């Protein structure tokens, strides 16, 4: 759940903004000549959080297709509100799979016609089937496969079996874990349970976004052997009580240095050494490293908590606007945007086409977990890692193959938020 705070930065803010370069490997993938729209320009209003918006992607899409992208930037909660109350205010929306249980019942999103998605058969199986290299991964919480299909184009119900109608065409996804300062800890860290280890009293932090923070806490509780959850993404009231009691006990014992809610805060806590272990996002770990400070996005034996977002269409979209939306989505899957996102440390929907737009050494580093043969740069050309570095967690298969649960909105969400706020106030 990407929650934006006023004056703060979310996990992709490190690399958003005036990014104008996409790396030397990115070639133009032309699905439709720009001249098609020259006489009658089409502009798509693209609703999402600012962290899902990259001007470089919009610029390249216009060059390749002639479709203009007008970004409509709001926070996570407002994306949901706009879909439910103002479906006429956007032409395309990028939202997270966990939100669909709130959005689909509104009837304001239409199922996307799989026949109009050229690479639908190439979409990552981690999203469509909950599999990596043919092996099932954890699906607690709102795993995308659970909410990927609708019963009909305008249905308010999900289909457990594949249909022609897709809820979201994936844009980005990733697997999250704890960040650590190995230079200060000076021993191996292999379990979520370490977040509450008294050894790190006053040096630990947890993410203060309730629906994500409580799942990180659940990973900790389960790792200690205190409780086994049927579904960490959909707890009972008793399980919520147990989880929050564990956190409150740790808080009163002085375990936590902070409860961060924006990107910069998480970076500053780790860079300063105020914390040595905490909930963290991958780009934040990179930001600490870019300061010349050792920091690691630590793989843990219990696995990762994952998230995924994707494109949806409002039920009101028609005619040329609808055609242009499908054209943009098809372009988005054709490789240029995928390579751009992979260079940010995220994963793209169609891996094959993204690979075609990356240098072999880039693909080897980001996707195969191999040591970098050359310096690794972000989409803006900035240095991310020096030659010889390896990606924390290893390859795509190792990282996404070790997912334990997915971001979610619980049935008992209101109760959970109430109890979380009690924890923060304790």
Protein backbone atom coordinates (compact mmCIF):
# COMPACT_ATOMS: atom_id res chain seq x y z
CA UNK A 1 0.00 0.00 0.00
CA UNK A 2 1.75 3.10 -1.18
CA UNK A 3 0.74 5.84 1.22
CA UNK A 4 1.94 9.32 0.42
CA UNK A 5 2.44 11.86 3.15
CA UNK A 6 2.27 15.60 2.59
CA UNK A 7 5.81 16.91 2.54
CA UNK A 8 7.14 13.34 2.54
CA UNK A 9 8.35 10.91 -0.04
CA UNK A 10 7.10 7.48 -0.94
CA UNK A 11 9.20 4.55 -2.11
CA UNK A 12 9.44 5.57 -5.75
CA UNK A 13 9.98 9.29 -5.04
CA UNK A 14 13.72 8.64 -5.07
CA UNK A 15 13.53 8.18 -8.81
CA UNK A 16 10.43 10.16 -9.85
CA UNK A 17 10.23 13.74 -10.99
CA UNK A 18 12.24 15.15 -13.82
CA UNK A 19 13.70 11.87 -14.99
CA UNK A 20 14.51 12.34 -18.65
CA UNK A 21 16.88 9.52 -19.53
CA UNK A 22 16.08 5.85 -19.84
CA UNK A 23 19.52 4.31 -20.15
CA UNK A 24 21.61 3.62 -23.18
CA UNK A 25 19.95 0.31 -23.91
CA UNK A 26 16.45 1.62 -24.43
CA UNK A 27 15.45 1.54 -28.04
CA UNK A 28 12.13 2.80 -29.38
CA UNK A 29 9.39 0.22 -29.73
CA UNK A 30 6.84 1.46 -32.20
CA UNK A 31 3.37 -0.08 -32.00
CA UNK A 32 1.65 2.67 -33.93
CA UNK A 33 3.05 5.56 -35.91
CA UNK A 34 2.65 8.92 -34.15
CA UNK A 35 1.13 10.25 -37.37
CA UNK A 36 -1.99 8.22 -36.65
CA UNK A 37 -2.95 10.73 -33.96
CA UNK A 38 -1.30 13.83 -35.41
CA UNK A 39 -4.47 15.22 -36.98
CA UNK A 40 -6.61 14.45 -33.96
CA UNK A 41 -4.40 14.30 -30.84
CA UNK A 42 -5.70 12.13 -28.03
CA UNK A 43 -4.84 12.86 -24.40
CA UNK A 44 -5.31 10.25 -21.68
CA UNK A 45 -5.78 11.43 -18.10
CA UNK A 46 -3.63 8.99 -16.12
CA UNK A 47 -4.68 8.84 -12.45
CA UNK A 48 -2.27 7.50 -9.84
CA UNK A 49 0.03 8.49 -7.01
CA UNK A 50 2.95 10.64 -8.10
CA UNK A 51 5.28 7.73 -7.42
CA UNK A 52 3.67 5.76 -10.28
CA UNK A 53 4.28 8.55 -12.77
CA UNK A 54 7.46 8.92 -14.81
CA UNK A 55 7.62 11.81 -17.30
CA UNK A 56 10.19 9.88 -19.35
CA UNK A 57 7.68 7.09 -19.94
CA UNK A 58 4.99 9.57 -21.00
CA UNK A 59 7.46 11.28 -23.36
CA UNK A 60 8.53 8.03 -24.98
CA UNK A 61 4.92 6.84 -25.34
CA UNK A 62 4.06 10.06 -27.18
CA UNK A 63 7.05 9.66 -29.51
CA UNK A 64 6.12 6.08 -30.32
CA UNK A 65 2.31 6.29 -30.47
CA UNK A 66 1.26 9.95 -30.62
CA UNK A 67 -0.90 9.44 -27.51
CA UNK A 68 -0.39 12.16 -24.90
CA UNK A 69 -0.36 11.29 -21.21
CA UNK A 70 -1.65 13.85 -18.73
CA UNK A 71 -0.70 12.76 -15.24
CA UNK A 72 -3.29 13.29 -12.51
CA UNK A 73 -1.38 12.98 -9.26
CA UNK A 74 -3.19 12.24 -5.97
CA UNK A 75 -2.39 10.20 -2.86
CA UNK A 76 -3.29 6.54 -2.42
CA UNK A 77 -6.56 7.19 -0.57
CA UNK A 78 -7.66 9.69 -3.20
CA UNK A 79 -7.06 7.21 -6.02
CA UNK A 80 -9.67 5.00 -4.37
CA UNK A 81 -12.04 7.93 -3.72
CA UNK A 82 -11.80 9.14 -7.32
CA UNK A 83 -12.62 5.71 -8.72
CA UNK A 84 -15.65 5.35 -6.46
CA UNK A 85 -17.00 8.92 -6.69
CA UNK A 86 -15.60 10.45 -9.90
CA UNK A 87 -15.11 7.76 -12.57
CA UNK A 88 -15.45 10.44 -15.27
CA UNK A 89 -12.36 12.31 -13.99
CA UNK A 90 -9.77 9.94 -15.53
CA UNK A 91 -9.23 7.73 -18.57
CA UNK A 92 -6.68 5.33 -17.09
CA UNK A 93 -5.77 4.52 -13.50
CA UNK A 94 -2.76 2.79 -11.95
CA UNK A 95 -3.77 1.25 -8.62
CA UNK A 96 -2.79 -1.73 -6.46
CA UNK A 97 -4.34 -5.18 -6.57
CA UNK A 98 -5.16 -5.08 -2.86
CA UNK A 99 -7.48 -2.10 -3.51
CA UNK A 100 -9.68 -4.07 -5.90
CA UNK A 101 -11.81 -5.58 -3.13
CA UNK A 102 -12.93 -2.01 -2.39
CA UNK A 103 -13.08 -0.81 -5.99
CA UNK A 104 -14.74 -3.58 -8.00
CA UNK A 105 -18.00 -3.60 -5.95
CA UNK A 106 -18.49 0.07 -6.97
CA UNK A 107 -19.05 -1.04 -10.55
CA UNK A 108 -17.00 1.91 -11.77
CA UNK A 109 -14.22 -0.12 -13.39
CA UNK A 110 -14.71 -2.19 -16.52
CA UNK A 111 -13.02 -5.48 -17.15
CA UNK A 112 -10.31 -5.19 -19.78
CA UNK A 113 -10.78 -7.29 -22.90
CA UNK A 114 -7.98 -9.86 -22.93
CA UNK A 115 -8.31 -10.13 -26.72
CA UNK A 116 -7.16 -6.50 -27.02
CA UNK A 117 -4.01 -7.03 -24.95
CA UNK A 118 -1.41 -8.20 -27.49
CA UNK A 119 0.95 -9.78 -24.95
CA UNK A 120 -1.64 -11.11 -22.53
CA UNK A 121 -0.15 -14.61 -22.79
CA UNK A 122 3.25 -13.19 -21.82
CA UNK A 123 2.16 -11.52 -18.56
CA UNK A 124 4.27 -12.65 -15.61
CA UNK A 125 2.92 -15.84 -14.06
CA UNK A 126 3.74 -14.52 -10.58
CA UNK A 127 0.76 -12.18 -11.15
CA UNK A 128 -1.60 -14.33 -13.21
CA UNK A 129 -1.04 -17.72 -11.57
CA UNK A 130 0.93 -17.10 -8.37
CA UNK A 131 3.81 -19.10 -9.80
CA UNK A 132 7.50 -18.54 -10.47
CA UNK A 133 9.16 -21.01 -12.85
CA UNK A 134 6.16 -23.30 -12.43
CA UNK A 135 6.37 -23.35 -8.63
CA UNK A 136 3.59 -21.99 -6.42
CA UNK A 137 4.47 -19.10 -4.10
CA UNK A 138 2.78 -17.73 -0.97
CA UNK A 139 -0.64 -16.23 -1.60
CA UNK A 140 -1.73 -14.94 1.81
CA UNK A 141 -3.26 -11.47 1.61
CA UNK A 142 -4.53 -10.17 -1.72
CA UNK A 143 -2.40 -12.18 -4.13
CA UNK A 144 -3.05 -10.75 -7.62
CA UNK A 145 -4.19 -14.13 -8.94
CA UNK A 146 -7.16 -14.01 -6.54
CA UNK A 147 -8.52 -10.79 -8.07
CA UNK A 148 -7.15 -10.93 -11.62
CA UNK A 149 -10.37 -11.85 -13.45
CA UNK A 150 -13.98 -10.65 -13.44
CA UNK A 151 -17.02 -12.79 -14.23
CA UNK A 152 -18.00 -10.32 -16.98
CA UNK A 153 -16.91 -6.98 -18.42
CA UNK A 154 -19.12 -5.01 -16.04
CA UNK A 155 -19.30 -7.59 -13.25
CA UNK A 156 -18.86 -6.63 -9.62
CA UNK A 157 -17.58 -10.10 -8.80
CA UNK A 158 -14.17 -11.72 -9.22
CA UNK A 159 -13.81 -14.99 -11.07
CA UNK A 160 -11.66 -17.75 -9.58
CA UNK A 161 -11.19 -19.16 -13.08
CA UNK A 162 -9.65 -17.33 -16.06
CA UNK A 163 -12.09 -15.29 -18.14
CA UNK A 164 -11.82 -12.80 -20.99
CA UNK A 165 -12.14 -9.90 -18.54
CA UNK A 166 -9.11 -8.70 -16.60
CA UNK A 167 -9.24 -6.32 -13.61
CA UNK A 168 -5.72 -4.83 -13.82
CA UNK A 169 -2.95 -5.18 -16.39
CA UNK A 170 0.19 -5.23 -14.19
CA UNK A 171 2.58 -2.28 -14.26
CA UNK A 172 5.02 -2.90 -11.38
CA UNK A 173 5.51 -5.33 -8.51
CA UNK A 174 8.20 -6.23 -6.00
CA UNK A 175 9.02 -8.18 -2.84
CA UNK A 176 9.75 -6.26 0.38
CA UNK A 177 11.81 -7.28 3.41
CA UNK A 178 13.79 -5.69 6.25
CA UNK A 179 16.64 -3.26 5.74
CA UNK A 180 19.71 -3.63 7.95
CA UNK A 181 23.06 -1.93 8.65
CA UNK A 182 25.46 -4.91 8.47
CA UNK A 183 28.41 -2.72 9.44
CA UNK A 184 26.74 -1.92 12.77
CA UNK A 185 25.08 -5.28 13.44
CA UNK A 186 28.22 -7.26 12.56
CA UNK A 187 26.57 -10.67 12.39
CA UNK A 188 24.25 -12.52 9.99
CA UNK A 189 20.53 -11.66 10.03
CA UNK A 190 18.24 -14.37 8.67
CA UNK A 191 14.82 -14.02 10.33
CA UNK A 192 12.01 -11.49 10.68
CA UNK A 193 12.13 -12.30 14.41
CA UNK A 194 15.27 -10.14 14.69
CA UNK A 195 13.15 -6.97 14.45
CA UNK A 196 12.06 -7.56 18.06
CA UNK A 197 15.38 -8.94 19.30
CA UNK A 198 16.28 -7.02 22.53
CA UNK A 199 19.81 -6.81 21.15
CA UNK A 200 18.50 -4.00 18.94
CA UNK A 201 16.59 -2.17 21.67
CA UNK A 202 16.09 1.46 20.64
CA UNK A 203 17.61 0.73 17.22
CA UNK A 204 14.62 -0.83 15.43
CA UNK A 205 11.82 0.81 13.43
CA UNK A 206 8.61 -0.34 11.78
CA UNK A 207 6.54 1.14 8.98
CA UNK A 208 3.65 3.29 10.22
CA UNK A 209 1.15 2.43 7.49
CA UNK A 210 -1.28 0.15 9.33
CA UNK A 211 -2.18 -2.37 6.62
CA UNK A 212 1.50 -2.93 5.77
CA UNK A 213 3.01 -2.48 9.21
CA UNK A 214 0.76 -5.12 10.74
CA UNK A 215 1.79 -7.63 8.09
CA UNK A 216 5.46 -6.96 8.83
CA UNK A 217 4.58 -7.48 12.49
CA UNK A 218 2.79 -10.73 11.64
CA UNK A 219 5.90 -11.97 9.83
CA UNK A 220 7.80 -11.27 13.07
CA UNK A 221 5.23 -12.94 15.34
CA UNK A 222 5.13 -16.05 13.16
CA UNK A 223 8.93 -16.16 12.97
CA UNK A 224 9.15 -16.23 16.78
CA UNK A 225 6.81 -19.23 16.87
CA UNK A 226 4.25 -17.32 18.94
CA UNK A 227 1.38 -17.82 16.47
CA UNK A 228 0.68 -19.33 13.04
CA UNK A 229 -1.76 -17.22 10.98
CA UNK A 230 -4.25 -18.74 8.59
CA UNK A 231 -3.87 -15.58 6.52
CA UNK A 232 -1.62 -12.71 7.61
CA UNK A 233 -3.50 -10.47 5.19
CA UNK A 234 -6.92 -11.20 6.67
CA UNK A 235 -6.61 -11.63 10.44
CA UNK A 236 -9.39 -12.34 12.90
CA UNK A 237 -9.98 -9.82 15.69
CA UNK A 238 -8.21 -12.17 18.10
CA UNK A 239 -5.20 -12.34 15.81
CA UNK A 240 -5.15 -8.56 15.47
CA UNK A 241 -5.24 -8.28 19.28
CA UNK A 242 -2.39 -10.78 19.66
CA UNK A 243 -0.26 -9.03 17.04
CA UNK A 244 -0.79 -5.56 18.45
CA UNK A 245 -0.20 -6.76 22.03
CA UNK A 246 3.18 -8.09 20.89
CA UNK A 247 4.06 -4.73 19.33
CA UNK A 248 2.87 -2.74 22.35
CA UNK A 249 4.93 -4.93 24.68
CA UNK A 250 8.02 -4.32 22.53
CA UNK A 251 7.32 -0.60 22.34
CA UNK A 252 6.99 -0.26 26.11
CA UNK A 253 10.28 -2.12 26.48
CA UNK A 254 11.94 0.56 24.32
CA UNK A 255 12.51 -1.60 21.23
CA UNK A 256 11.53 1.00 18.64
CA UNK A 257 13.45 4.14 17.75
CA UNK A 258 10.77 5.33 15.32
CA UNK A 259 7.64 4.56 13.31
CA UNK A 260 8.35 5.93 9.85
CA UNK A 261 5.79 6.77 7.22
CA UNK A 262 7.73 8.35 4.38
CA UNK A 263 10.71 7.53 2.23
CA UNK A 264 13.11 10.24 3.45
CA UNK A 265 12.52 9.35 7.08
CA UNK A 266 13.43 5.71 6.51
CA UNK A 267 16.59 6.73 4.65
CA UNK A 268 17.68 9.20 7.34
CA UNK A 269 17.10 6.75 10.18
CA UNK A 270 19.37 4.15 8.59
CA UNK A 271 21.98 6.55 7.22
CA UNK A 272 22.42 8.19 10.62
CA UNK A 273 22.68 4.86 12.42
CA UNK A 274 19.72 5.73 14.64
CA UNK A 275 18.29 2.43 13.47
CA UNK A 276 20.14 -0.71 12.39
CA UNK A 277 17.13 -2.86 11.45
CA UNK A 278 13.72 -1.75 10.16
CA UNK A 279 10.90 -2.11 7.67
CA UNK A 280 12.30 -0.71 4.43
CA UNK A 281 11.72 -0.31 0.69
CA UNK A 282 14.34 -1.31 -1.85
CA UNK A 283 14.98 2.18 -3.32
CA UNK A 284 15.48 3.52 0.22
CA UNK A 285 18.26 0.98 0.76
CA UNK A 286 19.82 2.16 -2.51
CA UNK A 287 19.56 5.77 -1.32
CA UNK A 288 21.51 4.92 1.83
CA UNK A 289 24.18 3.16 -0.23
CA UNK A 290 24.50 6.17 -2.51
CA UNK A 291 25.61 8.10 0.59
CA UNK A 292 28.53 5.70 0.88
CA UNK A 293 26.96 3.89 3.84
CA UNK A 294 26.64 0.11 4.02
CA UNK A 295 22.99 -1.00 3.94
CA UNK A 296 21.32 -4.23 2.86
CA UNK A 297 17.83 -5.27 1.75
CA UNK A 298 18.09 -8.49 3.74
CA UNK A 299 16.61 -11.77 2.44
CA UNK A 300 14.98 -13.66 5.32
CA UNK A 301 14.19 -17.35 5.66
CA UNK A 302 10.46 -16.74 6.19
CA UNK A 303 10.19 -14.94 2.85
CA UNK A 304 9.01 -11.60 1.52
CA UNK A 305 5.86 -9.45 1.70
CA UNK A 306 4.96 -8.53 -1.88
CA UNK A 307 2.88 -5.87 -3.65
CA UNK A 308 1.70 -5.25 -7.20
CA UNK A 309 -0.06 -2.50 -9.13
CA UNK A 310 -1.69 -2.27 -12.54
CA UNK A 311 -3.77 -0.37 -15.08
CA UNK A 312 -7.57 -0.25 -14.89
CA UNK A 313 -10.15 1.46 -17.09
CA UNK A 314 -13.24 3.40 -15.93
CA UNK A 315 -16.58 2.02 -17.10
CA UNK A 316 -17.31 5.38 -18.78
CA UNK A 317 -14.44 5.16 -21.30
CA UNK A 318 -15.61 4.89 -24.94
CA UNK A 319 -14.66 5.36 -28.57
CA UNK A 320 -11.28 6.85 -29.49
CA UNK A 321 -10.32 7.35 -25.83
CA UNK A 322 -10.88 3.67 -25.13
CA UNK A 323 -8.90 2.68 -28.23
CA UNK A 324 -6.05 4.99 -27.19
CA UNK A 325 -6.03 3.52 -23.68
CA UNK A 326 -5.57 0.01 -25.08
CA UNK A 327 -2.89 1.35 -27.44
CA UNK A 328 -0.96 2.91 -24.55
CA UNK A 329 -1.25 -0.23 -22.42
CA UNK A 330 0.01 -2.37 -25.30
CA UNK A 331 2.90 0.04 -25.78
CA UNK A 332 3.63 -0.09 -22.03
CA UNK A 333 4.01 -3.86 -22.23
CA UNK A 334 6.18 -3.77 -25.36
CA UNK A 335 9.49 -3.33 -23.56
CA UNK A 336 10.69 0.27 -23.27
CA UNK A 337 8.72 1.02 -20.10
CA UNK A 338 9.48 -2.42 -18.66
CA UNK A 339 13.22 -1.86 -19.00
CA UNK A 340 12.85 1.59 -17.45
CA UNK A 341 11.04 0.13 -14.43
CA UNK A 342 13.48 -2.76 -14.07
CA UNK A 343 16.29 -0.21 -13.82
CA UNK A 344 14.45 1.32 -10.87
CA UNK A 345 14.62 -2.02 -9.06
CA UNK A 346 11.01 -3.00 -9.73
CA UNK A 347 9.73 -5.87 -11.84
CA UNK A 348 7.80 -5.42 -15.08
CA UNK A 349 4.76 -7.22 -16.42
CA UNK A 350 6.34 -8.78 -19.53
CA UNK A 351 9.89 -9.84 -18.83
CA UNK A 352 10.80 -10.92 -22.36
CA UNK A 353 10.17 -7.54 -23.96
CA UNK A 354 11.91 -5.67 -21.14
CA UNK A 355 14.98 -7.87 -21.63
CA UNK A 356 15.15 -6.80 -25.28
CA UNK A 357 15.55 -3.16 -24.16
CA UNK A 358 18.30 -3.80 -21.60
CA UNK A 359 22.01 -4.45 -22.02
CA UNK A 360 23.00 -8.05 -21.18
CA UNK A 361 25.00 -6.91 -18.12
CA UNK A 362 21.98 -4.94 -16.83
CA UNK A 363 19.68 -7.95 -17.18
CA UNK A 364 22.26 -10.18 -15.54
CA UNK A 365 22.46 -7.85 -12.52
CA UNK A 366 18.78 -6.96 -12.05
CA UNK A 367 17.12 -10.23 -13.04
CA UNK A 368 19.67 -13.04 -12.75
CA UNK A 369 21.38 -11.99 -9.52
CA UNK A 370 24.83 -12.00 -11.11
CA UNK A 371 27.67 -9.64 -10.17
CA UNK A 372 27.55 -6.45 -12.21
CA UNK A 373 30.08 -6.56 -15.06
CA UNK A 374 29.86 -2.76 -15.31
CA UNK A 375 28.56 0.08 -13.13
CA UNK A 376 24.78 -0.04 -12.77
CA UNK A 377 22.84 3.14 -13.53
CA UNK A 378 19.24 4.15 -12.92
CA UNK A 379 16.89 5.42 -15.64
CA UNK A 380 18.13 8.97 -15.01
CA UNK A 381 21.74 7.94 -15.57
CA UNK A 382 22.62 8.17 -11.87
CA UNK A 383 25.03 5.60 -10.45
CA UNK A 384 23.19 2.97 -8.38
CA UNK A 385 25.83 0.28 -7.90
CA UNK A 386 29.48 -0.11 -8.86
CA UNK A 387 30.82 -2.96 -10.95
CA UNK A 388 31.11 -6.17 -8.95
CA UNK A 389 27.99 -5.56 -6.83
CA UNK A 390 25.23 -8.15 -6.65
CA UNK A 391 21.54 -7.48 -6.08
CA UNK A 392 20.29 -8.14 -2.55
CA UNK A 393 18.16 -11.27 -2.55
CA UNK A 394 19.60 -12.51 -5.81
CA UNK A 395 17.66 -13.29 -8.96
CA UNK A 396 14.04 -12.64 -9.90
CA UNK A 397 13.26 -16.32 -9.27
CA UNK A 398 14.91 -16.25 -5.85
CA UNK A 399 13.16 -13.05 -4.75
CA UNK A 400 9.66 -13.46 -6.18
CA UNK A 401 9.88 -17.20 -5.62
CA UNK A 402 10.21 -16.56 -1.87
CA UNK A 403 7.07 -14.41 -1.44
CA UNK A 404 5.11 -15.38 1.68
CA UNK A 405 2.23 -12.87 1.55
CA UNK A 406 0.85 -9.85 -0.32
CA UNK A 407 -0.37 -6.41 0.73
CA UNK A 408 -4.04 -6.56 1.60
CA UNK A 409 -7.08 -4.85 3.09
CA UNK A 410 -8.52 -7.05 5.83
CA UNK A 411 -12.20 -7.76 6.38
CA UNK A 412 -11.61 -6.33 9.87
CA UNK A 413 -9.77 -3.30 8.47
CA UNK A 414 -11.52 -0.69 10.65
CA UNK A 415 -10.83 -2.67 13.81
CA UNK A 416 -7.23 -3.23 12.73
CA UNK A 417 -6.61 0.49 12.12
CA UNK A 418 -8.14 1.32 15.52
CA UNK A 419 -5.83 -1.15 17.27
CA UNK A 420 -2.81 0.05 15.27
CA UNK A 421 -3.47 3.63 16.34
CA UNK A 422 -3.64 2.43 19.95
CA UNK A 423 -0.20 0.88 19.47
CA UNK A 424 1.27 4.13 18.06
CA UNK A 425 -0.26 6.09 20.94
CA UNK A 426 0.82 3.61 23.63
